[in-house]
């Protein structure tokens, strides 16, 4: 990871990925009257975000020298694929889509932009 700006974008993106996934899970699990959104696909996407977001934060805080490793590249690609899948779902009007409203779609797009900064 080349510069300070790139590292700041990485940290902010990791925070958004992790915190948004936790907020969605808690909100849907404990405060939603209907739990229809929490199907297997969406739970896997949430779990992916929680684990990858936590891994990014852990690496950034405790072992920064790992930021330029194959592990982080693979996790970034997995996260990009998962978030791109959500964008496709949004546009094809999939049933029980992850981004079920415009704000979630916008946050998802912001995360994709942040993740792509890793490669520049």
PDB file of N, CA and C in Angstrom:
ATOM      1  N   UNK A   1       0.858  -1.157   0.000  1.00  0.00           N
ATOM      2  CA  UNK A   1       0.000   0.000   0.000  1.00  0.00           C
ATOM      3  C   UNK A   1       0.907   1.222   0.000  1.00  0.00           C
ATOM      4  N   UNK A   2       0.772   2.039  -1.024  1.00  0.00           N
ATOM      5  CA  UNK A   2       1.751   3.085  -1.293  1.00  0.00           C
ATOM      6  C   UNK A   2       1.729   4.260  -0.338  1.00  0.00           C
ATOM      7  N   UNK A   3       0.635   4.954  -0.234  1.00  0.00           N
ATOM      8  CA  UNK A   3       0.662   6.219   0.474  1.00  0.00           C
ATOM      9  C   UNK A   3      -0.244   6.276   1.680  1.00  0.00           C
ATOM     10  N   UNK A   4      -0.110   7.379   2.397  1.00  0.00           N
ATOM     11  CA  UNK A   4      -0.912   7.603   3.591  1.00  0.00           C
ATOM     12  C   UNK A   4      -2.391   7.734   3.240  1.00  0.00           C
ATOM     13  N   UNK A   5      -2.693   8.438   2.140  1.00  0.00           N
ATOM     14  CA  UNK A   5      -4.088   8.588   1.716  1.00  0.00           C
ATOM     15  C   UNK A   5      -4.721   7.223   1.451  1.00  0.00           C
ATOM     16  N   UNK A   6      -3.984   6.363   0.777  1.00  0.00           N
ATOM     17  CA  UNK A   6      -4.487   5.022   0.466  1.00  0.00           C
ATOM     18  C   UNK A   6      -4.762   4.243   1.758  1.00  0.00           C
ATOM     19  N   UNK A   7      -3.897   4.386   2.743  1.00  0.00           N
ATOM     20  CA  UNK A   7      -4.102   3.698   4.018  1.00  0.00           C
ATOM     21  C   UNK A   7      -5.321   4.244   4.759  1.00  0.00           C
ATOM     22  N   UNK A   8      -5.533   5.552   4.691  1.00  0.00           N
ATOM     23  CA  UNK A   8      -6.697   6.158   5.339  1.00  0.00           C
ATOM     24  C   UNK A   8      -7.981   5.666   4.677  1.00  0.00           C
ATOM     25  N   UNK A   9      -7.988   5.611   3.344  1.00  0.00           N
ATOM     26  CA  UNK A   9      -9.161   5.101   2.622  1.00  0.00           C
ATOM     27  C   UNK A   9      -9.410   3.640   3.000  1.00  0.00           C
ATOM     28  N   UNK A  10      -8.343   2.856   3.104  1.00  0.00           N
ATOM     29  CA  UNK A  10      -8.462   1.448   3.492  1.00  0.00           C
ATOM     30  C   UNK A  10      -9.092   1.324   4.880  1.00  0.00           C
ATOM     31  N   UNK A  11      -8.603   2.118   5.826  1.00  0.00           N
ATOM     32  CA  UNK A  11      -9.127   2.068   7.191  1.00  0.00           C
ATOM     33  C   UNK A  11     -10.597   2.477   7.235  1.00  0.00           C
ATOM     34  N   UNK A  12     -10.943   3.557   6.565  1.00  0.00           N
ATOM     35  CA  UNK A  12     -12.341   4.020   6.550  1.00  0.00           C
ATOM     36  C   UNK A  12     -13.247   2.979   5.895  1.00  0.00           C
ATOM     37  N   UNK A  13     -12.786   2.406   4.811  1.00  0.00           N
ATOM     38  CA  UNK A  13     -13.570   1.367   4.128  1.00  0.00           C
ATOM     39  C   UNK A  13     -13.761   0.151   5.027  1.00  0.00           C
ATOM     40  N   UNK A  14     -12.706  -0.272   5.702  1.00  0.00           N
ATOM     41  CA  UNK A  14     -12.795  -1.413   6.623  1.00  0.00           C
ATOM     42  C   UNK A  14     -13.796  -1.125   7.737  1.00  0.00           C
ATOM     43  N   UNK A  15     -13.755   0.076   8.277  1.00  0.00           N
ATOM     44  CA  UNK A  15     -14.704   0.458   9.332  1.00  0.00           C
ATOM     45  C   UNK A  15     -16.139   0.427   8.818  1.00  0.00           C
ATOM     46  N   UNK A  16     -16.355   0.981   7.632  1.00  0.00           N
ATOM     47  CA  UNK A  16     -17.708   0.990   7.064  1.00  0.00           C
ATOM     48  C   UNK A  16     -18.196  -0.441   6.841  1.00  0.00           C
ATOM     49  N   UNK A  17     -17.350  -1.293   6.276  1.00  0.00           N
ATOM     50  CA  UNK A  17     -17.740  -2.682   6.010  1.00  0.00           C
ATOM     51  C   UNK A  17     -18.133  -3.377   7.309  1.00  0.00           C
ATOM     52  N   UNK A  18     -17.280  -3.276   8.311  1.00  0.00           N
ATOM     53  CA  UNK A  18     -17.496  -3.978   9.578  1.00  0.00           C
ATOM     54  C   UNK A  18     -18.703  -3.428  10.337  1.00  0.00           C
ATOM     55  N   UNK A  19     -18.750  -2.110  10.519  1.00  0.00           N
ATOM     56  CA  UNK A  19     -19.812  -1.502  11.322  1.00  0.00           C
ATOM     57  C   UNK A  19     -21.172  -1.625  10.635  1.00  0.00           C
ATOM     58  N   UNK A  20     -21.213  -1.430   9.321  1.00  0.00           N
ATOM     59  CA  UNK A  20     -22.492  -1.554   8.629  1.00  0.00           C
ATOM     60  C   UNK A  20     -23.036  -2.978   8.732  1.00  0.00           C
ATOM     61  N   UNK A  21     -22.176  -3.969   8.591  1.00  0.00           N
ATOM     62  CA  UNK A  21     -22.623  -5.363   8.687  1.00  0.00           C
ATOM     63  C   UNK A  21     -23.162  -5.666  10.090  1.00  0.00           C
ATOM     64  N   UNK A  22     -22.461  -5.194  11.109  1.00  0.00           N
ATOM     65  CA  UNK A  22     -22.956  -5.403  12.474  1.00  0.00           C
ATOM     66  C   UNK A  22     -24.288  -4.693  12.701  1.00  0.00           C
ATOM     67  N   UNK A  23     -24.388  -3.458  12.214  1.00  0.00           N
ATOM     68  CA  UNK A  23     -25.630  -2.700  12.379  1.00  0.00           C
ATOM     69  C   UNK A  23     -26.796  -3.376  11.658  1.00  0.00           C
ATOM     70  N   UNK A  24     -26.552  -3.851  10.447  1.00  0.00           N
ATOM     71  CA  UNK A  24     -27.608  -4.553   9.707  1.00  0.00           C
ATOM     72  C   UNK A  24     -28.039  -5.814  10.429  1.00  0.00           C
ATOM     73  N   UNK A  25     -27.060  -6.572  10.913  1.00  0.00           N
ATOM     74  CA  UNK A  25     -27.389  -7.814  11.607  1.00  0.00           C
ATOM     75  C   UNK A  25     -28.207  -7.539  12.869  1.00  0.00           C
ATOM     76  N   UNK A  26     -27.733  -6.622  13.696  1.00  0.00           N
ATOM     77  CA  UNK A  26     -28.439  -6.306  14.942  1.00  0.00           C
ATOM     78  C   UNK A  26     -29.821  -5.740  14.637  1.00  0.00           C
ATOM     79  N   UNK A  27     -29.891  -4.818  13.689  1.00  0.00           N
ATOM     80  CA  UNK A  27     -31.176  -4.225  13.340  1.00  0.00           C
ATOM     81  C   UNK A  27     -32.176  -5.231  12.825  1.00  0.00           C
ATOM     82  N   UNK A  28     -31.723  -6.093  11.943  1.00  0.00           N
ATOM     83  CA  UNK A  28     -32.639  -7.080  11.360  1.00  0.00           C
ATOM     84  C   UNK A  28     -32.978  -8.205  12.342  1.00  0.00           C
ATOM     85  N   UNK A  29     -32.029  -8.584  13.148  1.00  0.00           N
ATOM     86  CA  UNK A  29     -32.240  -9.695  14.085  1.00  0.00           C
ATOM     87  C   UNK A  29     -33.098  -9.286  15.283  1.00  0.00           C
ATOM     88  N   UNK A  30     -32.853  -8.108  15.813  1.00  0.00           N
ATOM     89  CA  UNK A  30     -33.491  -7.737  17.075  1.00  0.00           C
ATOM     90  C   UNK A  30     -34.578  -6.674  16.959  1.00  0.00           C
ATOM     91  N   UNK A  31     -34.591  -5.910  15.881  1.00  0.00           N
ATOM     92  CA  UNK A  31     -35.540  -4.811  15.791  1.00  0.00           C
ATOM     93  C   UNK A  31     -36.493  -4.911  14.609  1.00  0.00           C
ATOM     94  N   UNK A  32     -36.353  -5.922  13.794  1.00  0.00           N
ATOM     95  CA  UNK A  32     -37.230  -6.092  12.640  1.00  0.00           C
ATOM     96  C   UNK A  32     -38.377  -7.022  13.009  1.00  0.00           C
ATOM     97  N   UNK A  33     -39.579  -6.603  12.669  1.00  0.00           N
ATOM     98  CA  UNK A  33     -40.736  -7.451  12.953  1.00  0.00           C
ATOM     99  C   UNK A  33     -40.735  -8.703  12.086  1.00  0.00           C
ATOM    100  N   UNK A  34     -40.268  -8.547  10.865  1.00  0.00           N
ATOM    101  CA  UNK A  34     -40.181  -9.693   9.961  1.00  0.00           C
ATOM    102  C   UNK A  34     -38.716  -9.993   9.687  1.00  0.00           C
ATOM    103  N   UNK A  35     -38.357 -11.225   9.715  1.00  0.00           N
ATOM    104  CA  UNK A  35     -36.962 -11.617   9.524  1.00  0.00           C
ATOM    105  C   UNK A  35     -36.728 -12.196   8.123  1.00  0.00           C
ATOM    106  N   UNK A  36     -37.584 -11.828   7.182  1.00  0.00           N
ATOM    107  CA  UNK A  36     -37.506 -12.362   5.825  1.00  0.00           C
ATOM    108  C   UNK A  36     -36.166 -12.039   5.175  1.00  0.00           C
ATOM    109  N   UNK A  37     -35.639 -10.845   5.440  1.00  0.00           N
ATOM    110  CA  UNK A  37     -34.382 -10.421   4.812  1.00  0.00           C
ATOM    111  C   UNK A  37     -33.211 -11.302   5.237  1.00  0.00           C
ATOM    112  N   UNK A  38     -33.278 -11.857   6.442  1.00  0.00           N
ATOM    113  CA  UNK A  38     -32.174 -12.677   6.950  1.00  0.00           C
ATOM    114  C   UNK A  38     -32.259 -14.110   6.423  1.00  0.00           C
ATOM    115  N   UNK A  39     -32.157 -14.244   5.114  1.00  0.00           N
ATOM    116  CA  UNK A  39     -32.115 -15.579   4.529  1.00  0.00           C
ATOM    117  C   UNK A  39     -30.664 -16.048   4.452  1.00  0.00           C
ATOM    118  N   UNK A  40     -30.439 -17.228   3.952  1.00  0.00           N
ATOM    119  CA  UNK A  40     -29.086 -17.801   3.914  1.00  0.00           C
ATOM    120  C   UNK A  40     -28.123 -16.935   3.117  1.00  0.00           C
ATOM    121  N   UNK A  41     -28.542 -16.476   1.956  1.00  0.00           N
ATOM    122  CA  UNK A  41     -27.655 -15.665   1.107  1.00  0.00           C
ATOM    123  C   UNK A  41     -27.244 -14.388   1.815  1.00  0.00           C
ATOM    124  N   UNK A  42     -28.211 -13.666   2.361  1.00  0.00           N
ATOM    125  CA  UNK A  42     -27.898 -12.405   3.021  1.00  0.00           C
ATOM    126  C   UNK A  42     -27.084 -12.612   4.303  1.00  0.00           C
ATOM    127  N   UNK A  43     -27.351 -13.706   5.010  1.00  0.00           N
ATOM    128  CA  UNK A  43     -26.546 -14.022   6.194  1.00  0.00           C
ATOM    129  C   UNK A  43     -25.090 -14.313   5.823  1.00  0.00           C
ATOM    130  N   UNK A  44     -24.886 -15.013   4.707  1.00  0.00           N
ATOM    131  CA  UNK A  44     -23.512 -15.297   4.245  1.00  0.00           C
ATOM    132  C   UNK A  44     -22.816 -13.998   3.859  1.00  0.00           C
ATOM    133  N   UNK A  45     -23.523 -13.113   3.167  1.00  0.00           N
ATOM    134  CA  UNK A  45     -22.934 -11.825   2.796  1.00  0.00           C
ATOM    135  C   UNK A  45     -22.601 -10.996   4.034  1.00  0.00           C
ATOM    136  N   UNK A  46     -23.495 -11.002   5.026  1.00  0.00           N
ATOM    137  CA  UNK A  46     -23.224 -10.286   6.280  1.00  0.00           C
ATOM    138  C   UNK A  46     -22.020 -10.878   7.006  1.00  0.00           C
ATOM    139  N   UNK A  47     -21.975 -12.197   7.101  1.00  0.00           N
ATOM    140  CA  UNK A  47     -20.854 -12.859   7.772  1.00  0.00           C
ATOM    141  C   UNK A  47     -19.545 -12.563   7.053  1.00  0.00           C
ATOM    142  N   UNK A  48     -19.581 -12.558   5.731  1.00  0.00           N
ATOM    143  CA  UNK A  48     -18.390 -12.220   4.947  1.00  0.00           C
ATOM    144  C   UNK A  48     -17.918 -10.810   5.288  1.00  0.00           C
ATOM    145  N   UNK A  49     -18.859  -9.872   5.348  1.00  0.00           N
ATOM    146  CA  UNK A  49     -18.495  -8.487   5.681  1.00  0.00           C
ATOM    147  C   UNK A  49     -17.932  -8.382   7.097  1.00  0.00           C
ATOM    148  N   UNK A  50     -18.559  -9.047   8.042  1.00  0.00           N
ATOM    149  CA  UNK A  50     -18.079  -8.980   9.428  1.00  0.00           C
ATOM    150  C   UNK A  50     -16.672  -9.546   9.526  1.00  0.00           C
ATOM    151  N   UNK A  51     -16.444 -10.707   8.941  1.00  0.00           N
ATOM    152  CA  UNK A  51     -15.126 -11.348   9.038  1.00  0.00           C
ATOM    153  C   UNK A  51     -14.048 -10.577   8.281  1.00  0.00           C
ATOM    154  N   UNK A  52     -14.349 -10.161   7.055  1.00  0.00           N
ATOM    155  CA  UNK A  52     -13.343  -9.439   6.265  1.00  0.00           C
ATOM    156  C   UNK A  52     -13.112  -8.046   6.850  1.00  0.00           C
ATOM    157  N   UNK A  53     -14.171  -7.367   7.255  1.00  0.00           N
ATOM    158  CA  UNK A  53     -14.011  -6.058   7.883  1.00  0.00           C
ATOM    159  C   UNK A  53     -13.164  -6.142   9.139  1.00  0.00           C
ATOM    160  N   UNK A  54     -13.429  -7.155   9.977  1.00  0.00           N
ATOM    161  CA  UNK A  54     -12.629  -7.351  11.186  1.00  0.00           C
ATOM    162  C   UNK A  54     -11.177  -7.669  10.832  1.00  0.00           C
ATOM    163  N   UNK A  55     -10.979  -8.539   9.839  1.00  0.00           N
ATOM    164  CA  UNK A  55      -9.614  -8.890   9.424  1.00  0.00           C
ATOM    165  C   UNK A  55      -8.862  -7.662   8.939  1.00  0.00           C
ATOM    166  N   UNK A  56      -9.510  -6.834   8.122  1.00  0.00           N
ATOM    167  CA  UNK A  56      -8.872  -5.600   7.640  1.00  0.00           C
ATOM    168  C   UNK A  56      -8.490  -4.693   8.810  1.00  0.00           C
ATOM    169  N   UNK A  57      -9.401  -4.513   9.754  1.00  0.00           N
ATOM    170  CA  UNK A  57      -9.118  -3.654  10.905  1.00  0.00           C
ATOM    171  C   UNK A  57      -7.983  -4.218  11.750  1.00  0.00           C
ATOM    172  N   UNK A  58      -8.022  -5.521  11.999  1.00  0.00           N
ATOM    173  CA  UNK A  58      -6.976  -6.169  12.790  1.00  0.00           C
ATOM    174  C   UNK A  58      -5.609  -5.995  12.123  1.00  0.00           C
ATOM    175  N   UNK A  59      -5.564  -6.274  10.835  1.00  0.00           N
ATOM    176  CA  UNK A  59      -4.298  -6.142  10.100  1.00  0.00           C
ATOM    177  C   UNK A  59      -3.827  -4.692  10.127  1.00  0.00           C
ATOM    178  N   UNK A  60      -4.735  -3.753   9.899  1.00  0.00           N
ATOM    179  CA  UNK A  60      -4.349  -2.339   9.861  1.00  0.00           C
ATOM    180  C   UNK A  60      -3.809  -1.879  11.217  1.00  0.00           C
ATOM    181  N   UNK A  61      -4.441  -2.317  12.304  1.00  0.00           N
ATOM    182  CA  UNK A  61      -4.070  -1.845  13.634  1.00  0.00           C
ATOM    183  C   UNK A  61      -2.850  -2.578  14.194  1.00  0.00           C
ATOM    184  N   UNK A  62      -2.802  -3.902  14.017  1.00  0.00           N
ATOM    185  CA  UNK A  62      -1.784  -4.685  14.709  1.00  0.00           C
ATOM    186  C   UNK A  62      -0.618  -5.151  13.835  1.00  0.00           C
ATOM    187  N   UNK A  63      -0.861  -5.414  12.578  1.00  0.00           N
ATOM    188  CA  UNK A  63       0.224  -5.936  11.730  1.00  0.00           C
ATOM    189  C   UNK A  63       0.199  -5.243  10.364  1.00  0.00           C
ATOM    190  N   UNK A  64       0.467  -3.951  10.404  1.00  0.00           N
ATOM    191  CA  UNK A  64       0.400  -3.121   9.193  1.00  0.00           C
ATOM    192  C   UNK A  64       1.302  -3.629   8.077  1.00  0.00           C
ATOM    193  N   UNK A  65       2.378  -4.316   8.421  1.00  0.00           N
ATOM    194  CA  UNK A  65       3.282  -4.809   7.384  1.00  0.00           C
ATOM    195  C   UNK A  65       2.619  -5.867   6.507  1.00  0.00           C
ATOM    196  N   UNK A  66       1.475  -6.396   6.911  1.00  0.00           N
ATOM    197  CA  UNK A  66       0.738  -7.382   6.110  1.00  0.00           C
ATOM    198  C   UNK A  66      -0.193  -6.737   5.083  1.00  0.00           C
ATOM    199  N   UNK A  67      -0.277  -5.411   5.084  1.00  0.00           N
ATOM    200  CA  UNK A  67      -1.200  -4.735   4.158  1.00  0.00           C
ATOM    201  C   UNK A  67      -0.871  -5.021   2.696  1.00  0.00           C
ATOM    202  N   UNK A  68       0.368  -5.309   2.396  1.00  0.00           N
ATOM    203  CA  UNK A  68       0.780  -5.559   1.011  1.00  0.00           C
ATOM    204  C   UNK A  68       0.988  -7.041   0.719  1.00  0.00           C
ATOM    205  N   UNK A  69       0.234  -7.897   1.383  1.00  0.00           N
ATOM    206  CA  UNK A  69       0.397  -9.335   1.184  1.00  0.00           C
ATOM    207  C   UNK A  69      -0.718  -9.907   0.318  1.00  0.00           C
ATOM    208  N   UNK A  70      -0.489 -11.112  -0.143  1.00  0.00           N
ATOM    209  CA  UNK A  70      -1.489 -11.823  -0.955  1.00  0.00           C
ATOM    210  C   UNK A  70      -2.780 -12.017  -0.158  1.00  0.00           C
ATOM    211  N   UNK A  71      -2.672 -12.215   1.141  1.00  0.00           N
ATOM    212  CA  UNK A  71      -3.852 -12.395   1.983  1.00  0.00           C
ATOM    213  C   UNK A  71      -4.803 -11.205   1.860  1.00  0.00           C
ATOM    214  N   UNK A  72      -4.267 -10.005   1.966  1.00  0.00           N
ATOM    215  CA  UNK A  72      -5.111  -8.812   1.885  1.00  0.00           C
ATOM    216  C   UNK A  72      -5.655  -8.638   0.467  1.00  0.00           C
ATOM    217  N   UNK A  73      -4.863  -8.972  -0.540  1.00  0.00           N
ATOM    218  CA  UNK A  73      -5.340  -8.900  -1.923  1.00  0.00           C
ATOM    219  C   UNK A  73      -6.519  -9.853  -2.114  1.00  0.00           C
ATOM    220  N   UNK A  74      -6.390 -11.084  -1.631  1.00  0.00           N
ATOM    221  CA  UNK A  74      -7.461 -12.080  -1.771  1.00  0.00           C
ATOM    222  C   UNK A  74      -8.716 -11.626  -1.026  1.00  0.00           C
ATOM    223  N   UNK A  75      -8.559 -11.139   0.210  1.00  0.00           N
ATOM    224  CA  UNK A  75      -9.720 -10.663   0.969  1.00  0.00           C
ATOM    225  C   UNK A  75     -10.388  -9.474   0.279  1.00  0.00           C
ATOM    226  N   UNK A  76      -9.575  -8.603  -0.306  1.00  0.00           N
ATOM    227  CA  UNK A  76     -10.117  -7.450  -1.026  1.00  0.00           C
ATOM    228  C   UNK A  76     -10.903  -7.898  -2.256  1.00  0.00           C
ATOM    229  N   UNK A  77     -10.372  -8.846  -2.993  1.00  0.00           N
ATOM    230  CA  UNK A  77     -11.071  -9.360  -4.183  1.00  0.00           C
ATOM    231  C   UNK A  77     -12.372 -10.053  -3.783  1.00  0.00           C
ATOM    232  N   UNK A  78     -12.337 -10.864  -2.732  1.00  0.00           N
ATOM    233  CA  UNK A  78     -13.561 -11.529  -2.261  1.00  0.00           C
ATOM    234  C   UNK A  78     -14.610 -10.488  -1.885  1.00  0.00           C
ATOM    235  N   UNK A  79     -14.182  -9.457  -1.176  1.00  0.00           N
ATOM    236  CA  UNK A  79     -15.107  -8.406  -0.770  1.00  0.00           C
ATOM    237  C   UNK A  79     -15.647  -7.640  -1.978  1.00  0.00           C
ATOM    238  N   UNK A  80     -14.788  -7.355  -2.949  1.00  0.00           N
ATOM    239  CA  UNK A  80     -15.245  -6.689  -4.171  1.00  0.00           C
ATOM    240  C   UNK A  80     -16.272  -7.530  -4.918  1.00  0.00           C
ATOM    241  N   UNK A  81     -16.043  -8.815  -5.005  1.00  0.00           N
ATOM    242  CA  UNK A  81     -16.992  -9.711  -5.689  1.00  0.00           C
ATOM    243  C   UNK A  81     -18.326  -9.726  -4.942  1.00  0.00           C
ATOM    244  N   UNK A  82     -18.271  -9.837  -3.622  1.00  0.00           N
ATOM    245  CA  UNK A  82     -19.502  -9.871  -2.826  1.00  0.00           C
ATOM    246  C   UNK A  82     -20.291  -8.568  -2.969  1.00  0.00           C
ATOM    247  N   UNK A  83     -19.579  -7.451  -2.938  1.00  0.00           N
ATOM    248  CA  UNK A  83     -20.272  -6.162  -3.062  1.00  0.00           C
ATOM    249  C   UNK A  83     -20.766  -5.918  -4.484  1.00  0.00           C
ATOM    250  N   UNK A  84     -20.038  -6.385  -5.474  1.00  0.00           N
ATOM    251  CA  UNK A  84     -20.490  -6.265  -6.862  1.00  0.00           C
ATOM    252  C   UNK A  84     -21.739  -7.109  -7.099  1.00  0.00           C
ATOM    253  N   UNK A  85     -21.793  -8.283  -6.492  1.00  0.00           N
ATOM    254  CA  UNK A  85     -22.981  -9.135  -6.575  1.00  0.00           C
ATOM    255  C   UNK A  85     -24.217  -8.382  -6.082  1.00  0.00           C
ATOM    256  N   UNK A  86     -24.056  -7.631  -4.992  1.00  0.00           N
ATOM    257  CA  UNK A  86     -25.176  -6.868  -4.433  1.00  0.00           C
ATOM    258  C   UNK A  86     -25.642  -5.779  -5.397  1.00  0.00           C
ATOM    259  N   UNK A  87     -24.687  -5.181  -6.104  1.00  0.00           N
ATOM    260  CA  UNK A  87     -25.051  -4.152  -7.089  1.00  0.00           C
ATOM    261  C   UNK A  87     -25.881  -4.774  -8.212  1.00  0.00           C
ATOM    262  N   UNK A  88     -25.452  -5.933  -8.677  1.00  0.00           N
ATOM    263  CA  UNK A  88     -26.185  -6.632  -9.737  1.00  0.00           C
ATOM    264  C   UNK A  88     -27.587  -6.976  -9.259  1.00  0.00           C
ATOM    265  N   UNK A  89     -27.677  -7.509  -8.043  1.00  0.00           N
ATOM    266  CA  UNK A  89     -28.983  -7.832  -7.461  1.00  0.00           C
ATOM    267  C   UNK A  89     -29.912  -6.614  -7.450  1.00  0.00           C
ATOM    268  N   UNK A  90     -29.356  -5.478  -7.103  1.00  0.00           N
ATOM    269  CA  UNK A  90     -30.141  -4.253  -7.006  1.00  0.00           C
ATOM    270  C   UNK A  90     -30.744  -3.880  -8.363  1.00  0.00           C
ATOM    271  N   UNK A  91     -29.927  -3.983  -9.403  1.00  0.00           N
ATOM    272  CA  UNK A  91     -30.387  -3.553 -10.724  1.00  0.00           C
ATOM    273  C   UNK A  91     -31.304  -4.558 -11.406  1.00  0.00           C
ATOM    274  N   UNK A  92     -31.156  -5.844 -11.109  1.00  0.00           N
ATOM    275  CA  UNK A  92     -32.023  -6.834 -11.757  1.00  0.00           C
ATOM    276  C   UNK A  92     -33.288  -7.094 -10.937  1.00  0.00           C
ATOM    277  N   UNK A  93     -33.458  -6.309  -9.868  1.00  0.00           N
ATOM    278  CA  UNK A  93     -34.640  -6.446  -9.031  1.00  0.00           C
ATOM    279  C   UNK A  93     -34.814  -7.870  -8.501  1.00  0.00           C
ATOM    280  N   UNK A  94     -33.734  -8.416  -7.975  1.00  0.00           N
ATOM    281  CA  UNK A  94     -33.774  -9.769  -7.412  1.00  0.00           C
ATOM    282  C   UNK A  94     -34.701  -9.815  -6.198  1.00  0.00           C
ATOM    283  N   UNK A  95     -35.265 -10.974  -5.972  1.00  0.00           N
ATOM    284  CA  UNK A  95     -36.116 -11.164  -4.811  1.00  0.00           C
ATOM    285  C   UNK A  95     -35.243 -11.197  -3.556  1.00  0.00           C
ATOM    286  N   UNK A  96     -35.680 -10.498  -2.523  1.00  0.00           N
ATOM    287  CA  UNK A  96     -34.973 -10.440  -1.243  1.00  0.00           C
ATOM    288  C   UNK A  96     -33.510  -9.999  -1.418  1.00  0.00           C
ATOM    289  N   UNK A  97     -33.321  -8.964  -2.201  1.00  0.00           N
ATOM    290  CA  UNK A  97     -31.976  -8.471  -2.486  1.00  0.00           C
ATOM    291  C   UNK A  97     -31.340  -7.882  -1.232  1.00  0.00           C
ATOM    292  N   UNK A  98     -30.008  -7.920  -1.198  1.00  0.00           N
ATOM    293  CA  UNK A  98     -29.269  -7.418  -0.051  1.00  0.00           C
ATOM    294  C   UNK A  98     -29.479  -5.915   0.097  1.00  0.00           C
ATOM    295  N   UNK A  99     -29.273  -5.175  -0.976  1.00  0.00           N
ATOM    296  CA  UNK A  99     -29.489  -3.719  -0.974  1.00  0.00           C
ATOM    297  C   UNK A  99     -30.958  -3.462  -1.281  1.00  0.00           C
ATOM    298  N   UNK A 100     -31.781  -3.537  -0.251  1.00  0.00           N
ATOM    299  CA  UNK A 100     -33.218  -3.444  -0.468  1.00  0.00           C
ATOM    300  C   UNK A 100     -33.727  -2.008  -0.556  1.00  0.00           C
ATOM    301  N   UNK A 101     -32.831  -1.028  -0.349  1.00  0.00           N
ATOM    302  CA  UNK A 101     -33.239   0.366  -0.516  1.00  0.00           C
ATOM    303  C   UNK A 101     -32.069   1.189  -1.061  1.00  0.00           C
ATOM    304  N   UNK A 102     -32.355   2.415  -1.461  1.00  0.00           N
ATOM    305  CA  UNK A 102     -31.337   3.276  -2.063  1.00  0.00           C
ATOM    306  C   UNK A 102     -30.180   3.587  -1.109  1.00  0.00           C
ATOM    307  N   UNK A 103     -30.418   3.889   0.173  1.00  0.00           N
ATOM    308  CA  UNK A 103     -29.282   4.151   1.066  1.00  0.00           C
ATOM    309  C   UNK A 103     -28.306   2.976   1.164  1.00  0.00           C
ATOM    310  N   UNK A 104     -28.809   1.751   1.233  1.00  0.00           N
ATOM    311  CA  UNK A 104     -27.917   0.583   1.267  1.00  0.00           C
ATOM    312  C   UNK A 104     -27.139   0.457  -0.040  1.00  0.00           C
ATOM    313  N   UNK A 105     -27.800   0.743  -1.143  1.00  0.00           N
ATOM    314  CA  UNK A 105     -27.121   0.704  -2.439  1.00  0.00           C
ATOM    315  C   UNK A 105     -25.991   1.736  -2.491  1.00  0.00           C
ATOM    316  N   UNK A 106     -26.254   2.936  -1.997  1.00  0.00           N
ATOM    317  CA  UNK A 106     -25.234   3.992  -2.005  1.00  0.00           C
ATOM    318  C   UNK A 106     -24.053   3.615  -1.126  1.00  0.00           C
ATOM    319  N   UNK A 107     -24.314   3.119   0.067  1.00  0.00           N
ATOM    320  CA  UNK A 107     -23.223   2.684   0.960  1.00  0.00           C
ATOM    321  C   UNK A 107     -22.436   1.549   0.310  1.00  0.00           C
ATOM    322  N   UNK A 108     -23.123   0.624  -0.330  1.00  0.00           N
ATOM    323  CA  UNK A 108     -22.459  -0.479  -1.018  1.00  0.00           C
ATOM    324  C   UNK A 108     -21.528   0.046  -2.113  1.00  0.00           C
ATOM    325  N   UNK A 109     -22.003   1.026  -2.865  1.00  0.00           N
ATOM    326  CA  UNK A 109     -21.189   1.623  -3.924  1.00  0.00           C
ATOM    327  C   UNK A 109     -19.959   2.324  -3.342  1.00  0.00           C
ATOM    328  N   UNK A 110     -20.144   3.012  -2.233  1.00  0.00           N
ATOM    329  CA  UNK A 110     -19.015   3.673  -1.558  1.00  0.00           C
ATOM    330  C   UNK A 110     -17.981   2.643  -1.124  1.00  0.00           C
ATOM    331  N   UNK A 111     -18.446   1.509  -0.618  1.00  0.00           N
ATOM    332  CA  UNK A 111     -17.510   0.449  -0.197  1.00  0.00           C
ATOM    333  C   UNK A 111     -16.738  -0.105  -1.398  1.00  0.00           C
ATOM    334  N   UNK A 112     -17.402  -0.271  -2.531  1.00  0.00           N
ATOM    335  CA  UNK A 112     -16.717  -0.748  -3.741  1.00  0.00           C
ATOM    336  C   UNK A 112     -15.628   0.250  -4.156  1.00  0.00           C
ATOM    337  N   UNK A 113     -15.966   1.527  -4.142  1.00  0.00           N
ATOM    338  CA  UNK A 113     -14.973   2.550  -4.498  1.00  0.00           C
ATOM    339  C   UNK A 113     -13.795   2.494  -3.524  1.00  0.00           C
ATOM    340  N   UNK A 114     -14.078   2.404  -2.240  1.00  0.00           N
ATOM    341  CA  UNK A 114     -13.013   2.320  -1.248  1.00  0.00           C
ATOM    342  C   UNK A 114     -12.145   1.086  -1.419  1.00  0.00           C
ATOM    343  N   UNK A 115     -12.758  -0.046  -1.724  1.00  0.00           N
ATOM    344  CA  UNK A 115     -11.992  -1.279  -1.916  1.00  0.00           C
ATOM    345  C   UNK A 115     -11.094  -1.193  -3.151  1.00  0.00           C
ATOM    346  N   UNK A 116     -11.565  -0.534  -4.188  1.00  0.00           N
ATOM    347  CA  UNK A 116     -10.747  -0.444  -5.405  1.00  0.00           C
ATOM    348  C   UNK A 116      -9.507   0.433  -5.193  1.00  0.00           C
ATOM    349  N   UNK A 117      -9.564   1.349  -4.229  1.00  0.00           N
ATOM    350  CA  UNK A 117      -8.390   2.179  -3.926  1.00  0.00           C
ATOM    351  C   UNK A 117      -7.202   1.339  -3.495  1.00  0.00           C
ATOM    352  N   UNK A 118      -7.445   0.139  -2.992  1.00  0.00           N
ATOM    353  CA  UNK A 118      -6.353  -0.732  -2.559  1.00  0.00           C
ATOM    354  C   UNK A 118      -5.383  -1.011  -3.715  1.00  0.00           C
ATOM    355  N   UNK A 119      -5.913  -1.067  -4.926  1.00  0.00           N
ATOM    356  CA  UNK A 119      -5.109  -1.469  -6.094  1.00  0.00           C
ATOM    357  C   UNK A 119      -4.429  -0.295  -6.791  1.00  0.00           C
ATOM    358  N   UNK A 120      -4.574   0.913  -6.274  1.00  0.00           N
ATOM    359  CA  UNK A 120      -3.956   2.082  -6.919  1.00  0.00           C
ATOM    360  C   UNK A 120      -2.909   2.710  -6.030  1.00  0.00           C
TER     361      UNK A 120
END
